Protein backbone atom coordinates (compact mmCIF):
# COMPACT_ATOMS: atom_id res chain seq x y z
CA UNK A 1 0.00 0.00 0.00
CA UNK A 2 1.19 3.55 -0.61
CA UNK A 3 2.49 5.24 2.55
CA UNK A 4 0.03 8.13 2.15
CA UNK A 5 -2.88 5.65 2.22
CA UNK A 6 -1.62 4.04 5.42
CA UNK A 7 -1.03 7.38 7.15
CA UNK A 8 -4.41 8.79 6.12
CA UNK A 9 -6.34 5.94 7.74
CA UNK A 10 -5.69 5.52 11.51
CA UNK A 11 -7.17 2.00 11.58
CA UNK A 12 -5.03 0.87 8.68
CA UNK A 13 -1.92 2.42 10.25
CA UNK A 14 -2.66 0.59 13.53
CA UNK A 15 -3.13 -2.71 11.70
CA UNK A 16 0.15 -2.32 9.83
CA UNK A 17 2.10 -1.31 12.94
CA UNK A 18 0.71 -4.27 14.91
CA UNK A 19 2.88 -6.55 12.76
CA UNK A 20 6.11 -4.70 13.58
CA UNK A 21 8.65 -5.76 16.19
CA UNK A 22 10.88 -3.14 17.85
CA UNK A 23 14.58 -4.03 17.73
CA UNK A 24 17.83 -2.16 18.38
CA UNK A 25 20.92 -2.04 16.17
CA UNK A 26 24.39 -0.86 17.12
CA UNK A 27 26.12 1.29 14.50
CA UNK A 28 29.86 1.27 13.74
CA UNK A 29 30.40 4.40 15.88
CA UNK A 30 28.77 2.72 18.90
CA UNK A 31 25.46 4.57 18.60
CA UNK A 32 22.38 2.43 19.22
CA UNK A 33 19.30 3.06 17.08
CA UNK A 34 15.77 1.70 17.50
CA UNK A 35 14.27 0.01 14.47
CA UNK A 36 10.96 -1.48 13.42
CA UNK A 37 11.26 -4.99 11.98
CA UNK A 38 8.60 -6.40 9.66
CA UNK A 39 8.86 -10.06 8.65
CA UNK A 40 6.71 -11.85 6.09
CA UNK A 41 4.99 -15.07 7.02
CA UNK A 42 6.49 -18.31 5.79
CA UNK A 43 10.08 -19.31 5.14
CA UNK A 44 12.80 -16.91 6.34
CA UNK A 45 14.43 -14.78 3.65
CA UNK A 46 17.35 -12.36 3.53
CA UNK A 47 16.89 -8.86 4.91
CA UNK A 48 17.97 -5.27 4.36
CA UNK A 49 18.28 -2.57 7.03
CA UNK A 50 17.53 0.84 5.57
CA UNK A 51 18.21 3.92 7.69
CA UNK A 52 16.81 7.17 6.35
CA UNK A 53 18.45 10.46 7.18
CA UNK A 54 15.80 12.92 8.27
CA UNK A 55 17.03 16.52 8.14
CA UNK A 56 20.26 15.80 9.95
CA UNK A 57 18.70 13.89 12.86
CA UNK A 58 20.97 10.90 12.27
PDB file of N, CA and C in Angstrom:
ATOM      1  N   UNK A   1       0.835  -1.193   0.000  1.00  0.00           N
ATOM      2  CA  UNK A   1       0.000   0.000   0.000  1.00  0.00           C
ATOM      3  C   UNK A   1       0.873   1.247   0.000  1.00  0.00           C
ATOM      4  N   UNK A   2       0.439   2.295  -0.659  1.00  0.00           N
ATOM      5  CA  UNK A   2       1.194   3.549  -0.606  1.00  0.00           C
ATOM      6  C   UNK A   2       1.216   4.108   0.815  1.00  0.00           C
ATOM      7  N   UNK A   3       2.331   4.702   1.201  1.00  0.00           N
ATOM      8  CA  UNK A   3       2.486   5.242   2.545  1.00  0.00           C
ATOM      9  C   UNK A   3       1.409   6.271   2.863  1.00  0.00           C
ATOM     10  N   UNK A   4       1.051   7.115   1.907  1.00  0.00           N
ATOM     11  CA  UNK A   4       0.026   8.131   2.149  1.00  0.00           C
ATOM     12  C   UNK A   4      -1.310   7.491   2.515  1.00  0.00           C
ATOM     13  N   UNK A   5      -1.635   6.363   1.912  1.00  0.00           N
ATOM     14  CA  UNK A   5      -2.877   5.652   2.222  1.00  0.00           C
ATOM     15  C   UNK A   5      -2.860   5.141   3.651  1.00  0.00           C
ATOM     16  N   UNK A   6      -1.744   4.568   4.057  1.00  0.00           N
ATOM     17  CA  UNK A   6      -1.621   4.037   5.417  1.00  0.00           C
ATOM     18  C   UNK A   6      -1.723   5.163   6.439  1.00  0.00           C
ATOM     19  N   UNK A   7      -1.030   6.267   6.195  1.00  0.00           N
ATOM     20  CA  UNK A   7      -1.025   7.375   7.150  1.00  0.00           C
ATOM     21  C   UNK A   7      -2.363   8.100   7.224  1.00  0.00           C
ATOM     22  N   UNK A   8      -3.132   8.086   6.141  1.00  0.00           N
ATOM     23  CA  UNK A   8      -4.412   8.786   6.115  1.00  0.00           C
ATOM     24  C   UNK A   8      -5.513   8.034   6.846  1.00  0.00           C
ATOM     25  N   UNK A   9      -5.316   6.750   7.101  1.00  0.00           N
ATOM     26  CA  UNK A   9      -6.340   5.937   7.740  1.00  0.00           C
ATOM     27  C   UNK A   9      -5.799   5.389   9.062  1.00  0.00           C
ATOM     28  N   UNK A  10      -6.223   5.951  10.210  1.00  0.00           N
ATOM     29  CA  UNK A  10      -5.693   5.517  11.507  1.00  0.00           C
ATOM     30  C   UNK A  10      -5.861   4.022  11.772  1.00  0.00           C
ATOM     31  N   UNK A  11      -6.969   3.436  11.357  1.00  0.00           N
ATOM     32  CA  UNK A  11      -7.171   1.997  11.580  1.00  0.00           C
ATOM     33  C   UNK A  11      -6.189   1.164  10.761  1.00  0.00           C
ATOM     34  N   UNK A  12      -5.973   1.578   9.543  1.00  0.00           N
ATOM     35  CA  UNK A  12      -5.032   0.872   8.681  1.00  0.00           C
ATOM     36  C   UNK A  12      -3.607   1.010   9.219  1.00  0.00           C
ATOM     37  N   UNK A  13      -3.248   2.206   9.672  1.00  0.00           N
ATOM     38  CA  UNK A  13      -1.918   2.420  10.251  1.00  0.00           C
ATOM     39  C   UNK A  13      -1.722   1.546  11.485  1.00  0.00           C
ATOM     40  N   UNK A  14      -2.746   1.431  12.324  1.00  0.00           N
ATOM     41  CA  UNK A  14      -2.655   0.594  13.529  1.00  0.00           C
ATOM     42  C   UNK A  14      -2.508  -0.877  13.153  1.00  0.00           C
ATOM     43  N   UNK A  15      -3.221  -1.316  12.131  1.00  0.00           N
ATOM     44  CA  UNK A  15      -3.133  -2.712  11.700  1.00  0.00           C
ATOM     45  C   UNK A  15      -1.741  -3.030  11.150  1.00  0.00           C
ATOM     46  N   UNK A  16      -1.187  -2.109  10.387  1.00  0.00           N
ATOM     47  CA  UNK A  16       0.151  -2.319   9.830  1.00  0.00           C
ATOM     48  C   UNK A  16       1.191  -2.332  10.937  1.00  0.00           C
ATOM     49  N   UNK A  17       1.100  -1.395  11.878  1.00  0.00           N
ATOM     50  CA  UNK A  17       2.104  -1.310  12.943  1.00  0.00           C
ATOM     51  C   UNK A  17       2.009  -2.473  13.926  1.00  0.00           C
ATOM     52  N   UNK A  18       0.861  -3.128  14.004  1.00  0.00           N
ATOM     53  CA  UNK A  18       0.711  -4.271  14.910  1.00  0.00           C
ATOM     54  C   UNK A  18       1.632  -5.420  14.508  1.00  0.00           C
ATOM     55  N   UNK A  19       2.007  -5.485  13.238  1.00  0.00           N
ATOM     56  CA  UNK A  19       2.878  -6.550  12.760  1.00  0.00           C
ATOM     57  C   UNK A  19       4.360  -6.240  12.874  1.00  0.00           C
ATOM     58  N   UNK A  20       4.706  -5.092  13.458  1.00  0.00           N
ATOM     59  CA  UNK A  20       6.106  -4.700  13.582  1.00  0.00           C
ATOM     60  C   UNK A  20       6.673  -5.107  14.932  1.00  0.00           C
ATOM     61  N   UNK A  21       7.944  -5.418  14.953  1.00  0.00           N
ATOM     62  CA  UNK A  21       8.646  -5.758  16.187  1.00  0.00           C
ATOM     63  C   UNK A  21       9.743  -4.713  16.381  1.00  0.00           C
ATOM     64  N   UNK A  22       9.827  -4.121  17.574  1.00  0.00           N
ATOM     65  CA  UNK A  22      10.879  -3.144  17.849  1.00  0.00           C
ATOM     66  C   UNK A  22      12.179  -3.866  18.176  1.00  0.00           C
ATOM     67  N   UNK A  23      13.248  -3.471  17.499  1.00  0.00           N
ATOM     68  CA  UNK A  23      14.576  -4.031  17.735  1.00  0.00           C
ATOM     69  C   UNK A  23      15.579  -2.879  17.817  1.00  0.00           C
ATOM     70  N   UNK A  24      16.771  -3.169  18.320  1.00  0.00           N
ATOM     71  CA  UNK A  24      17.829  -2.163  18.377  1.00  0.00           C
ATOM     72  C   UNK A  24      19.019  -2.652  17.570  1.00  0.00           C
ATOM     73  N   UNK A  25      19.713  -1.717  16.935  1.00  0.00           N
ATOM     74  CA  UNK A  25      20.918  -2.041  16.172  1.00  0.00           C
ATOM     75  C   UNK A  25      22.034  -1.112  16.622  1.00  0.00           C
ATOM     76  N   UNK A  26      23.232  -1.652  16.729  1.00  0.00           N
ATOM     77  CA  UNK A  26      24.388  -0.856  17.120  1.00  0.00           C
ATOM     78  C   UNK A  26      25.161  -0.491  15.859  1.00  0.00           C
ATOM     79  N   UNK A  27      25.403   0.809  15.666  1.00  0.00           N
ATOM     80  CA  UNK A  27      26.125   1.288  14.500  1.00  0.00           C
ATOM     81  C   UNK A  27      27.628   1.196  14.729  1.00  0.00           C
ATOM     82  N   UNK A  28      28.397   1.389  13.668  1.00  0.00           N
ATOM     83  CA  UNK A  28      29.857   1.272  13.745  1.00  0.00           C
ATOM     84  C   UNK A  28      30.472   2.238  14.751  1.00  0.00           C
ATOM     85  N   UNK A  29      29.847   3.417  14.944  1.00  0.00           N
ATOM     86  CA  UNK A  29      30.400   4.399  15.885  1.00  0.00           C
ATOM     87  C   UNK A  29      29.951   4.154  17.322  1.00  0.00           C
ATOM     88  N   UNK A  30      29.220   3.062  17.557  1.00  0.00           N
ATOM     89  CA  UNK A  30      28.767   2.722  18.905  1.00  0.00           C
ATOM     90  C   UNK A  30      27.377   3.225  19.245  1.00  0.00           C
ATOM     91  N   UNK A  31      26.802   4.056  18.392  1.00  0.00           N
ATOM     92  CA  UNK A  31      25.455   4.570  18.605  1.00  0.00           C
ATOM     93  C   UNK A  31      24.441   3.441  18.450  1.00  0.00           C
ATOM     94  N   UNK A  32      23.448   3.415  19.324  1.00  0.00           N
ATOM     95  CA  UNK A  32      22.377   2.431  19.222  1.00  0.00           C
ATOM     96  C   UNK A  32      21.137   3.121  18.674  1.00  0.00           C
ATOM     97  N   UNK A  33      20.521   2.516  17.665  1.00  0.00           N
ATOM     98  CA  UNK A  33      19.299   3.063  17.083  1.00  0.00           C
ATOM     99  C   UNK A  33      18.173   2.051  17.239  1.00  0.00           C
ATOM    100  N   UNK A  34      16.949   2.564  17.414  1.00  0.00           N
ATOM    101  CA  UNK A  34      15.773   1.701  17.501  1.00  0.00           C
ATOM    102  C   UNK A  34      15.194   1.543  16.103  1.00  0.00           C
ATOM    103  N   UNK A  35      14.791   0.329  15.789  1.00  0.00           N
ATOM    104  CA  UNK A  35      14.272   0.012  14.468  1.00  0.00           C
ATOM    105  C   UNK A  35      12.936  -0.707  14.589  1.00  0.00           C
ATOM    106  N   UNK A  36      12.188  -0.701  13.509  1.00  0.00           N
ATOM    107  CA  UNK A  36      10.957  -1.485  13.425  1.00  0.00           C
ATOM    108  C   UNK A  36      11.203  -2.588  12.405  1.00  0.00           C
ATOM    109  N   UNK A  37      11.001  -3.827  12.822  1.00  0.00           N
ATOM    110  CA  UNK A  37      11.261  -4.989  11.979  1.00  0.00           C
ATOM    111  C   UNK A  37       9.938  -5.597  11.531  1.00  0.00           C
ATOM    112  N   UNK A  38       9.780  -5.741  10.227  1.00  0.00           N
ATOM    113  CA  UNK A  38       8.604  -6.404   9.658  1.00  0.00           C
ATOM    114  C   UNK A  38       9.085  -7.661   8.953  1.00  0.00           C
ATOM    115  N   UNK A  39       8.475  -8.793   9.266  1.00  0.00           N
ATOM    116  CA  UNK A  39       8.855 -10.057   8.646  1.00  0.00           C
ATOM    117  C   UNK A  39       7.644 -10.690   7.979  1.00  0.00           C
ATOM    118  N   UNK A  40       7.818 -11.173   6.745  1.00  0.00           N
ATOM    119  CA  UNK A  40       6.707 -11.851   6.086  1.00  0.00           C
ATOM    120  C   UNK A  40       6.477 -13.219   6.707  1.00  0.00           C
ATOM    121  N   UNK A  41       5.280 -13.731   6.535  1.00  0.00           N
ATOM    122  CA  UNK A  41       4.985 -15.075   7.021  1.00  0.00           C
ATOM    123  C   UNK A  41       5.642 -16.086   6.098  1.00  0.00           C
ATOM    124  N   UNK A  42       5.903 -17.261   6.613  1.00  0.00           N
ATOM    125  CA  UNK A  42       6.491 -18.309   5.790  1.00  0.00           C
ATOM    126  C   UNK A  42       7.980 -18.454   6.036  1.00  0.00           C
ATOM    127  N   UNK A  43       8.651 -19.014   5.042  1.00  0.00           N
ATOM    128  CA  UNK A  43      10.076 -19.308   5.143  1.00  0.00           C
ATOM    129  C   UNK A  43      10.902 -18.028   5.276  1.00  0.00           C
ATOM    130  N   UNK A  44      11.928 -18.072   6.128  1.00  0.00           N
ATOM    131  CA  UNK A  44      12.800 -16.913   6.344  1.00  0.00           C
ATOM    132  C   UNK A  44      13.548 -16.563   5.058  1.00  0.00           C
ATOM    133  N   UNK A  45      13.719 -15.288   4.824  1.00  0.00           N
ATOM    134  CA  UNK A  45      14.432 -14.776   3.650  1.00  0.00           C
ATOM    135  C   UNK A  45      15.551 -13.859   4.129  1.00  0.00           C
ATOM    136  N   UNK A  46      16.336 -13.352   3.216  1.00  0.00           N
ATOM    137  CA  UNK A  46      17.354 -12.359   3.533  1.00  0.00           C
ATOM    138  C   UNK A  46      16.695 -11.050   3.939  1.00  0.00           C
ATOM    139  N   UNK A  47      17.477 -10.134   4.479  1.00  0.00           N
ATOM    140  CA  UNK A  47      16.892  -8.864   4.913  1.00  0.00           C
ATOM    141  C   UNK A  47      17.814  -7.702   4.575  1.00  0.00           C
ATOM    142  N   UNK A  48      17.240  -6.513   4.599  1.00  0.00           N
ATOM    143  CA  UNK A  48      17.970  -5.272   4.360  1.00  0.00           C
ATOM    144  C   UNK A  48      17.575  -4.295   5.459  1.00  0.00           C
ATOM    145  N   UNK A  49      18.550  -3.629   6.052  1.00  0.00           N
ATOM    146  CA  UNK A  49      18.277  -2.575   7.026  1.00  0.00           C
ATOM    147  C   UNK A  49      18.502  -1.252   6.324  1.00  0.00           C
ATOM    148  N   UNK A  50      17.462  -0.445   6.249  1.00  0.00           N
ATOM    149  CA  UNK A  50      17.525   0.842   5.572  1.00  0.00           C
ATOM    150  C   UNK A  50      17.330   1.927   6.610  1.00  0.00           C
ATOM    151  N   UNK A  51      18.298   2.821   6.728  1.00  0.00           N
ATOM    152  CA  UNK A  51      18.205   3.922   7.686  1.00  0.00           C
ATOM    153  C   UNK A  51      18.122   5.215   6.893  1.00  0.00           C
ATOM    154  N   UNK A  52      17.008   5.905   7.037  1.00  0.00           N
ATOM    155  CA  UNK A  52      16.807   7.171   6.347  1.00  0.00           C
ATOM    156  C   UNK A  52      17.393   8.307   7.169  1.00  0.00           C
ATOM    157  N   UNK A  53      18.049   9.240   6.507  1.00  0.00           N
ATOM    158  CA  UNK A  53      18.448  10.464   7.179  1.00  0.00           C
ATOM    159  C   UNK A  53      17.239  11.396   7.119  1.00  0.00           C
ATOM    160  N   UNK A  54      16.940  12.038   8.233  1.00  0.00           N
ATOM    161  CA  UNK A  54      15.795  12.924   8.271  1.00  0.00           C
ATOM    162  C   UNK A  54      16.246  14.286   8.774  1.00  0.00           C
ATOM    163  N   UNK A  55      16.621  15.146   7.842  1.00  0.00           N
ATOM    164  CA  UNK A  55      17.030  16.521   8.141  1.00  0.00           C
ATOM    165  C   UNK A  55      18.135  16.596   9.189  1.00  0.00           C
ATOM    166  N   UNK A  56      19.113  15.743   9.064  1.00  0.00           N
ATOM    167  CA  UNK A  56      20.261  15.798   9.954  1.00  0.00           C
ATOM    168  C   UNK A  56      20.056  15.195  11.324  1.00  0.00           C
ATOM    169  N   UNK A  57      18.951  14.470  11.545  1.00  0.00           N
ATOM    170  CA  UNK A  57      18.699  13.889  12.859  1.00  0.00           C
ATOM    171  C   UNK A  57      19.551  12.661  13.116  1.00  0.00           C
ATOM    172  N   UNK A  58      20.110  12.072  12.068  1.00  0.00           N
ATOM    173  CA  UNK A  58      20.965  10.900  12.268  1.00  0.00           C
ATOM    174  C   UNK A  58      22.394  11.320  12.023  1.00  0.00           C
TER     175      UNK A  58
END
